[in-house]
Amino acid sequence: MGKRDDAHDGEVATRRWTPGRRKRFFDGLAQTADVAGSARAAGMSAERACHARRTNAAFATAWRDALAIGYERLETALLGHALTGVDALEVAAADGSDASPRVMAPDQVKVAMAILNRHDAAQRRGPELPRERPAATLAEAEAALTKRLDAVARRRPVIDGDPA
């Protein structure tokens, strides 16, 4: 049993985001806007997905784009639900298949509406992409270290009248 690029549903899962896993994750996210379900479908955890989003600008951009599609699909389904007056709403499965759509009960539809409202508010604030910090020069690193050491030395209590 070794590492596999396409670990899925019970197969060995590594901690790496391979191209296949990324595709499954982003396809699922675009279908459902469900981070945890999409991560499971890709053989990864939601925590690893969130970590990748925080630390990898390209992953964060792809996440934002896929999630926008997922929210758009959910919004379209909710609008159709509102126009038809049907009691339950079917949404796609996290793996993107049409074989097993989930049925949302009326109370879940209310939760979905609240989530969409929260998403809309977040969109108005703008994307949260990882900040790229330029590497410090040697002189800047030495200056910062000296400043911190001086601050520690100033806080250090004087013992027996000897400042050292």
Foldseek 3Di string as FASTA:
>chain_A
DDDDLQDADPGDADLDCHPQLLVQLLLLCLQAVDQQQSQNRSRHGSVSLVVCQQPPQVSVVSNVVSNVNNLVVLVVQLVVCVVVVDQWTWGCGSSNDPPDTDIHGNVSSVVSVVVSVVVVVVVVVPGDGHDDDDDDDPVVVVVVVVVVVVVVLVPDDDDPNHSD
